[in-house]
């Protein structure tokens, strides 16, 4: 960027609050995320520990972003992401995926996954 380049502007509607929707079946990990956001008054955190309830809950709360654990015991995290992408109302919500798995193959699948 040079001094003569125009300065990018913020979107006209910047949300007052960020609604984070955490989908993780481990209470300890959910508590870590909750504690990370506890001093952020503009972040509202919702947690769902059951993959089969995640889409319905997301439709209800309309999050700004979804934090999705891949390593869910009852349901594959990729299957939940597929559901988010296939559902009107959650299709365009950004999803941040995290996992304790350190596999290049899994990372590749996640980055290529579009929910089709």
Protein backbone atom coordinates (compact mmCIF):
# COMPACT_ATOMS: atom_id res chain seq x y z
CA UNK A 1 0.00 0.00 0.00
CA UNK A 2 1.35 3.39 -0.95
CA UNK A 3 0.42 6.74 0.60
CA UNK A 4 -1.73 7.55 -2.45
CA UNK A 5 -3.81 4.33 -2.18
CA UNK A 6 -7.29 4.85 -0.79
CA UNK A 7 -7.75 3.68 2.78
CA UNK A 8 -10.20 0.78 2.92
CA UNK A 9 -13.33 1.61 4.84
CA UNK A 10 -15.18 -0.49 7.35
CA UNK A 11 -18.48 -2.03 6.35
CA UNK A 12 -21.34 0.39 6.82
CA UNK A 13 -22.92 -1.85 9.44
CA UNK A 14 -20.44 -3.03 12.02
CA UNK A 15 -22.26 -5.17 14.59
CA UNK A 16 -22.44 -3.84 18.15
CA UNK A 17 -22.10 -7.37 19.51
CA UNK A 18 -20.40 -10.45 18.19
CA UNK A 19 -22.36 -13.63 18.79
CA UNK A 20 -20.04 -16.64 19.02
CA UNK A 21 -21.57 -20.10 18.81
CA UNK A 22 -19.32 -22.83 20.19
CA UNK A 23 -20.09 -26.43 19.18
CA UNK A 24 -18.01 -28.72 21.38
CA UNK A 25 -18.96 -31.73 23.47
CA UNK A 26 -16.15 -31.26 26.01
CA UNK A 27 -17.16 -29.06 28.92
CA UNK A 28 -13.55 -28.28 29.83
CA UNK A 29 -12.81 -26.89 26.36
CA UNK A 30 -16.04 -24.91 26.44
CA UNK A 31 -15.02 -23.45 29.80
CA UNK A 32 -11.62 -22.44 28.37
CA UNK A 33 -13.32 -20.58 25.52
CA UNK A 34 -15.79 -19.01 27.93
CA UNK A 35 -12.96 -17.79 30.18
CA UNK A 36 -11.09 -16.36 27.18
CA UNK A 37 -14.10 -14.17 26.36
CA UNK A 38 -15.15 -13.25 29.92
CA UNK A 39 -13.61 -9.77 29.76
CA UNK A 40 -15.00 -9.00 26.31
CA UNK A 41 -18.33 -7.23 26.91
CA UNK A 42 -19.12 -7.07 23.18
CA UNK A 43 -18.88 -10.84 22.70
CA UNK A 44 -21.87 -13.00 23.51
CA UNK A 45 -21.02 -16.71 23.75
CA UNK A 46 -23.45 -19.59 23.28
CA UNK A 47 -22.44 -23.22 23.69
CA UNK A 48 -23.94 -26.40 22.27
CA UNK A 49 -22.56 -29.76 23.38
CA UNK A 50 -24.76 -31.90 21.11
CA UNK A 51 -24.07 -32.02 17.41
CA UNK A 52 -27.63 -33.08 16.63
CA UNK A 53 -28.93 -29.82 18.16
CA UNK A 54 -26.33 -27.46 16.70
CA UNK A 55 -28.14 -26.32 13.55
CA UNK A 56 -31.46 -25.68 15.30
CA UNK A 57 -29.70 -23.70 18.02
CA UNK A 58 -27.72 -21.69 15.46
CA UNK A 59 -30.92 -20.82 13.62
CA UNK A 60 -32.39 -19.60 16.88
CA UNK A 61 -29.45 -17.44 18.03
CA UNK A 62 -28.15 -16.30 14.59
CA UNK A 63 -24.45 -16.22 15.48
CA UNK A 64 -21.86 -13.97 13.90
CA UNK A 65 -19.35 -16.85 13.86
CA UNK A 66 -19.35 -20.57 14.68
CA UNK A 67 -16.47 -22.29 16.50
CA UNK A 68 -16.69 -25.99 15.59
CA UNK A 69 -14.74 -28.83 17.19
CA UNK A 70 -14.03 -31.66 14.75
CA UNK A 71 -13.59 -34.30 17.44
CA UNK A 72 -17.15 -34.75 18.64
CA UNK A 73 -17.92 -38.12 20.22
CA UNK A 74 -21.50 -38.57 19.05
CA UNK A 75 -21.22 -36.91 15.64
CA UNK A 76 -18.46 -36.10 13.18
CA UNK A 77 -17.66 -32.38 13.13
CA UNK A 78 -17.51 -32.41 9.32
CA UNK A 79 -21.08 -33.74 9.21
CA UNK A 80 -22.19 -30.83 11.39
CA UNK A 81 -20.40 -28.37 9.11
CA UNK A 82 -22.17 -29.97 6.13
CA UNK A 83 -25.48 -29.39 7.87
CA UNK A 84 -24.63 -25.74 8.55
CA UNK A 85 -23.70 -25.26 4.88
CA UNK A 86 -26.83 -27.04 3.61
CA UNK A 87 -29.23 -25.04 5.78
CA UNK A 88 -30.72 -21.72 4.77
CA UNK A 89 -30.00 -19.35 7.62
CA UNK A 90 -26.64 -20.88 8.55
CA UNK A 91 -25.13 -21.37 5.09
CA UNK A 92 -23.10 -18.14 5.08
CA UNK A 93 -22.03 -17.96 8.73
CA UNK A 94 -18.22 -18.15 8.99
CA UNK A 95 -17.01 -21.32 10.71
CA UNK A 96 -13.72 -21.60 12.57
CA UNK A 97 -12.74 -25.24 12.91
CA UNK A 98 -10.43 -26.53 15.61
CA UNK A 99 -9.28 -29.95 16.66
CA UNK A 100 -6.76 -31.79 18.75
CA UNK A 101 -5.97 -33.93 15.73
CA UNK A 102 -2.72 -32.96 14.07
CA UNK A 103 -3.15 -34.79 10.79
CA UNK A 104 -2.26 -33.17 7.46
CA UNK A 105 -4.98 -35.28 5.80
CA UNK A 106 -7.68 -34.00 8.18
CA UNK A 107 -6.49 -30.42 7.71
CA UNK A 108 -6.69 -30.87 3.95
CA UNK A 109 -10.23 -32.23 4.15
CA UNK A 110 -11.35 -29.35 6.37
CA UNK A 111 -9.90 -26.69 4.08
CA UNK A 112 -11.50 -28.31 1.02
CA UNK A 113 -14.83 -29.05 2.70
CA UNK A 114 -17.66 -27.03 1.31
CA UNK A 115 -20.58 -28.99 2.73
CA UNK A 116 -21.78 -30.32 -0.59
